[in-house]
PDB file of N, CA and C in Angstrom:
ATOM      1  N   MET A   1      11.931  99.246  27.531  1.00  0.00           N
ATOM      2  CA  MET A   1      10.883  98.519  26.867  1.00  0.00           C
ATOM      3  C   MET A   1       9.583  98.762  27.617  1.00  0.00           C
ATOM      4  N   LYS A   2       8.575  99.128  26.883  1.00  0.00           N
ATOM      5  CA  LYS A   2       7.281  99.369  27.505  1.00  0.00           C
ATOM      6  C   LYS A   2       6.386  98.162  27.263  1.00  0.00           C
ATOM      7  N   LEU A   3       6.112  97.474  28.336  1.00  0.00           N
ATOM      8  CA  LEU A   3       5.246  96.304  28.258  1.00  0.00           C
ATOM      9  C   LEU A   3       4.505  96.201  29.575  1.00  0.00           C
ATOM     10  N   ALA A   4       3.212  96.255  29.499  1.00  0.00           N
ATOM     11  CA  ALA A   4       2.406  96.160  30.714  1.00  0.00           C
ATOM     12  C   ALA A   4       2.513  94.744  31.279  1.00  0.00           C
ATOM     13  N   GLU A   5       2.378  94.637  32.572  1.00  0.00           N
ATOM     14  CA  GLU A   5       2.490  93.334  33.220  1.00  0.00           C
ATOM     15  C   GLU A   5       1.465  92.347  32.668  1.00  0.00           C
ATOM     16  N   GLY A   6       0.268  92.814  32.426  1.00  0.00           N
ATOM     17  CA  GLY A   6      -0.766  91.944  31.861  1.00  0.00           C
ATOM     18  C   GLY A   6      -0.395  91.425  30.483  1.00  0.00           C
ATOM     19  N   ASP A   7       0.231  92.292  29.680  1.00  0.00           N
ATOM     20  CA  ASP A   7       0.683  91.870  28.349  1.00  0.00           C
ATOM     21  C   ASP A   7       1.787  90.820  28.462  1.00  0.00           C
ATOM     22  N   TRP A   8       2.685  91.021  29.430  1.00  0.00           N
ATOM     23  CA  TRP A   8       3.753  90.047  29.640  1.00  0.00           C
ATOM     24  C   TRP A   8       3.168  88.678  29.971  1.00  0.00           C
ATOM     25  N   TYR A   9       2.203  88.645  30.863  1.00  0.00           N
ATOM     26  CA  TYR A   9       1.596  87.369  31.239  1.00  0.00           C
ATOM     27  C   TYR A   9       0.880  86.724  30.056  1.00  0.00           C
ATOM     28  N   ARG A  10       0.317  87.518  29.189  1.00  0.00           N
ATOM     29  CA  ARG A  10      -0.349  86.980  27.994  1.00  0.00           C
ATOM     30  C   ARG A  10       0.674  86.344  27.055  1.00  0.00           C
ATOM     31  N   VAL A  11       1.786  87.032  26.814  1.00  0.00           N
ATOM     32  CA  VAL A  11       2.854  86.488  25.960  1.00  0.00           C
ATOM     33  C   VAL A  11       3.402  85.196  26.558  1.00  0.00           C
ATOM     34  N   LEU A  12       3.652  85.218  27.847  1.00  0.00           N
ATOM     35  CA  LEU A  12       4.172  84.038  28.528  1.00  0.00           C
ATOM     36  C   LEU A  12       3.194  82.871  28.422  1.00  0.00           C
ATOM     37  N   ALA A  13       1.926  83.136  28.653  1.00  0.00           N
ATOM     38  CA  ALA A  13       0.912  82.081  28.578  1.00  0.00           C
ATOM     39  C   ALA A  13       0.825  81.495  27.173  1.00  0.00           C
ATOM     40  N   ILE A  14       0.864  82.343  26.164  1.00  0.00           N
ATOM     41  CA  ILE A  14       0.791  81.863  24.778  1.00  0.00           C
ATOM     42  C   ILE A  14       1.997  80.986  24.467  1.00  0.00           C
ATOM     43  N   ASN A  15       3.192  81.449  24.801  1.00  0.00           N
ATOM     44  CA  ASN A  15       4.406  80.692  24.495  1.00  0.00           C
ATOM     45  C   ASN A  15       4.464  79.373  25.255  1.00  0.00           C
ATOM     46  N   LEU A  16       4.170  79.394  26.531  1.00  0.00           N
ATOM     47  CA  LEU A  16       4.216  78.168  27.318  1.00  0.00           C
ATOM     48  C   LEU A  16       3.130  77.196  26.898  1.00  0.00           C
ATOM     49  N   THR A  17       1.954  77.703  26.599  1.00  0.00           N
ATOM     50  CA  THR A  17       0.861  76.831  26.183  1.00  0.00           C
ATOM     51  C   THR A  17       1.188  76.158  24.860  1.00  0.00           C
ATOM     52  N   GLY A  18       1.788  76.880  23.941  1.00  0.00           N
ATOM     53  CA  GLY A  18       2.162  76.294  22.654  1.00  0.00           C
ATOM     54  C   GLY A  18       3.145  75.148  22.813  1.00  0.00           C
ATOM     55  N   VAL A  19       4.163  75.335  23.642  1.00  0.00           N
ATOM     56  CA  VAL A  19       5.150  74.283  23.887  1.00  0.00           C
ATOM     57  C   VAL A  19       4.493  73.099  24.584  1.00  0.00           C
ATOM     58  N   PHE A  20       3.679  73.374  25.582  1.00  0.00           N
ATOM     59  CA  PHE A  20       2.985  72.314  26.309  1.00  0.00           C
ATOM     60  C   PHE A  20       2.122  71.477  25.375  1.00  0.00           C
ATOM     61  N   LEU A  21       1.334  72.131  24.539  1.00  0.00           N
ATOM     62  CA  LEU A  21       0.448  71.398  23.636  1.00  0.00           C
ATOM     63  C   LEU A  21       1.236  70.566  22.629  1.00  0.00           C
ATOM     64  N   ALA A  22       2.316  71.117  22.097  1.00  0.00           N
ATOM     65  CA  ALA A  22       3.145  70.372  21.142  1.00  0.00           C
ATOM     66  C   ALA A  22       3.782  69.154  21.806  1.00  0.00           C
ATOM     67  N   CYS A  23       4.288  69.319  23.011  1.00  0.00           N
ATOM     68  CA  CYS A  23       4.893  68.194  23.732  1.00  0.00           C
ATOM     69  C   CYS A  23       3.860  67.132  24.079  1.00  0.00           C
ATOM     70  N   ARG A  24       2.674  67.561  24.421  1.00  0.00           N
ATOM     71  CA  ARG A  24       1.624  66.602  24.759  1.00  0.00           C
ATOM     72  C   ARG A  24       1.254  65.758  23.549  1.00  0.00           C
ATOM     73  N   VAL A  25       1.107  66.395  22.393  1.00  0.00           N
ATOM     74  CA  VAL A  25       0.784  65.652  21.167  1.00  0.00           C
ATOM     75  C   VAL A  25       1.919  64.696  20.820  1.00  0.00           C
ATOM     76  N   ALA A  26       3.151  65.194  20.856  1.00  0.00           N
ATOM     77  CA  ALA A  26       4.303  64.347  20.532  1.00  0.00           C
ATOM     78  C   ALA A  26       4.418  63.189  21.515  1.00  0.00           C
ATOM     79  N   GLY A  27       4.195  63.456  22.775  1.00  0.00           N
ATOM     80  CA  GLY A  27       4.264  62.409  23.794  1.00  0.00           C
ATOM     81  C   GLY A  27       3.218  61.339  23.591  1.00  0.00           C
ATOM     82  N   ARG A  28       2.011  61.737  23.278  1.00  0.00           N
ATOM     83  CA  ARG A  28       0.947  60.758  23.033  1.00  0.00           C
ATOM     84  C   ARG A  28       1.266  59.889  21.826  1.00  0.00           C
ATOM     85  N   ARG A  29       1.830  60.498  20.790  1.00  0.00           N
ATOM     86  CA  ARG A  29       2.205  59.724  19.598  1.00  0.00           C
ATOM     87  C   ARG A  29       3.318  58.734  19.925  1.00  0.00           C
ATOM     88  N   LYS A  30       4.273  59.169  20.723  1.00  0.00           N
ATOM     89  CA  LYS A  30       5.365  58.277  21.105  1.00  0.00           C
ATOM     90  C   LYS A  30       4.846  57.102  21.933  1.00  0.00           C
ATOM     91  N   VAL A  31       3.955  57.372  22.856  1.00  0.00           N
ATOM     92  CA  VAL A  31       3.382  56.301  23.670  1.00  0.00           C
ATOM     93  C   VAL A  31       2.623  55.328  22.778  1.00  0.00           C
ATOM     94  N   ALA A  32       1.840  55.856  21.858  1.00  0.00           N
ATOM     95  CA  ALA A  32       1.066  55.000  20.962  1.00  0.00           C
ATOM     96  C   ALA A  32       1.971  54.125  20.102  1.00  0.00           C
ATOM     97  N   ARG A  33       3.133  54.628  19.744  1.00  0.00           N
ATOM     98  CA  ARG A  33       4.074  53.874  18.896  1.00  0.00           C
ATOM     99  C   ARG A  33       5.129  53.141  19.723  1.00  0.00           C
ATOM    100  N   ARG A  34       4.970  53.182  21.033  1.00  0.00           N
ATOM    101  CA  ARG A  34       5.922  52.549  21.952  1.00  0.00           C
ATOM    102  C   ARG A  34       7.344  53.051  21.725  1.00  0.00           C
ATOM    103  N   MET A  35       7.460  54.340  21.504  1.00  0.00           N
ATOM    104  CA  MET A  35       8.760  54.961  21.258  1.00  0.00           C
ATOM    105  C   MET A  35       9.264  55.721  22.485  1.00  0.00           C
ATOM    106  N   VAL A  36       8.684  55.464  23.619  1.00  0.00           N
ATOM    107  CA  VAL A  36       9.052  56.190  24.832  1.00  0.00           C
ATOM    108  C   VAL A  36      10.371  55.637  25.360  1.00  0.00           C
ATOM    109  N   THR A  37      11.266  56.519  25.710  1.00  0.00           N
ATOM    110  CA  THR A  37      12.553  56.116  26.269  1.00  0.00           C
ATOM    111  C   THR A  37      12.729  56.752  27.635  1.00  0.00           C
ATOM    112  N   ASP A  38      13.727  56.313  28.340  1.00  0.00           N
ATOM    113  CA  ASP A  38      13.928  56.839  29.690  1.00  0.00           C
ATOM    114  C   ASP A  38      14.636  58.187  29.718  1.00  0.00           C
ATOM    115  N   TYR A  39      15.175  58.633  28.607  1.00  0.00           N
ATOM    116  CA  TYR A  39      15.861  59.928  28.632  1.00  0.00           C
ATOM    117  C   TYR A  39      14.933  61.087  28.337  1.00  0.00           C
ATOM    118  N   GLY A  40      13.735  60.824  27.915  1.00  0.00           N
ATOM    119  CA  GLY A  40      12.724  61.860  27.765  1.00  0.00           C
ATOM    120  C   GLY A  40      12.835  62.689  26.500  1.00  0.00           C
ATOM    121  N   MET A  41      11.864  63.553  26.344  1.00  0.00           N
ATOM    122  CA  MET A  41      11.752  64.375  25.150  1.00  0.00           C
ATOM    123  C   MET A  41      12.758  65.524  25.157  1.00  0.00           C
ATOM    124  N   SER A  42      13.210  65.953  26.312  1.00  0.00           N
ATOM    125  CA  SER A  42      14.110  67.102  26.366  1.00  0.00           C
ATOM    126  C   SER A  42      15.404  66.841  25.605  1.00  0.00           C
ATOM    127  N   LYS A  43      15.876  65.622  25.596  1.00  0.00           N
ATOM    128  CA  LYS A  43      17.098  65.288  24.871  1.00  0.00           C
ATOM    129  C   LYS A  43      16.889  65.492  23.376  1.00  0.00           C
ATOM    130  N   GLU A  44      15.730  65.134  22.870  1.00  0.00           N
ATOM    131  CA  GLU A  44      15.430  65.309  21.456  1.00  0.00           C
ATOM    132  C   GLU A  44      15.331  66.782  21.084  1.00  0.00           C
ATOM    133  N   LEU A  45      14.884  67.575  22.015  1.00  0.00           N
ATOM    134  CA  LEU A  45      14.720  68.997  21.759  1.00  0.00           C
ATOM    135  C   LEU A  45      16.018  69.769  21.976  1.00  0.00           C
ATOM    136  N   GLY A  46      17.066  69.075  22.371  1.00  0.00           N
ATOM    137  CA  GLY A  46      18.356  69.728  22.565  1.00  0.00           C
ATOM    138  C   GLY A  46      18.472  70.466  23.879  1.00  0.00           C
ATOM    139  N   LEU A  47      17.647  70.123  24.825  1.00  0.00           N
ATOM    140  CA  LEU A  47      17.677  70.789  26.124  1.00  0.00           C
ATOM    141  C   LEU A  47      18.446  69.931  27.114  1.00  0.00           C
ATOM    142  N   SER A  48      19.097  70.573  28.035  1.00  0.00           N
ATOM    143  CA  SER A  48      19.795  69.839  29.076  1.00  0.00           C
ATOM    144  C   SER A  48      19.793  70.659  30.353  1.00  0.00           C
ATOM    145  N   VAL A  49      20.037  69.970  31.427  1.00  0.00           N
ATOM    146  CA  VAL A  49      20.133  70.630  32.718  1.00  0.00           C
ATOM    147  C   VAL A  49      21.598  70.987  32.933  1.00  0.00           C
ATOM    148  N   PRO A  50      21.909  72.238  33.236  1.00  0.00           N
ATOM    149  CA  PRO A  50      23.308  72.614  33.460  1.00  0.00           C
ATOM    150  C   PRO A  50      23.955  71.719  34.519  1.00  0.00           C
ATOM    151  N   GLY A  51      25.140  71.226  34.211  1.00  0.00           N
ATOM    152  CA  GLY A  51      25.836  70.340  35.137  1.00  0.00           C
ATOM    153  C   GLY A  51      25.453  68.887  34.983  1.00  0.00           C
ATOM    154  N   ASN A  52      24.495  68.589  34.130  1.00  0.00           N
ATOM    155  CA  ASN A  52      24.024  67.216  33.939  1.00  0.00           C
ATOM    156  C   ASN A  52      24.042  66.884  32.455  1.00  0.00           C
ATOM    157  N   GLU A  53      25.118  67.249  31.783  1.00  0.00           N
ATOM    158  CA  GLU A  53      25.159  67.120  30.328  1.00  0.00           C
ATOM    159  C   GLU A  53      25.802  65.866  29.859  1.00  0.00           C
TER     160      GLU A  53
END
């Protein structure tokens, strides 16, 4: 695969920024609606820490 390092960092930045912005908006809405729980947003997104399932 031919991908310059600079291009890789651009793809990574775009993908991470998109997730960050979406989580920030969702988090603010949850706080405003008092829907915040102690298990966090990762559970809703289907993410888990290996060994902590």
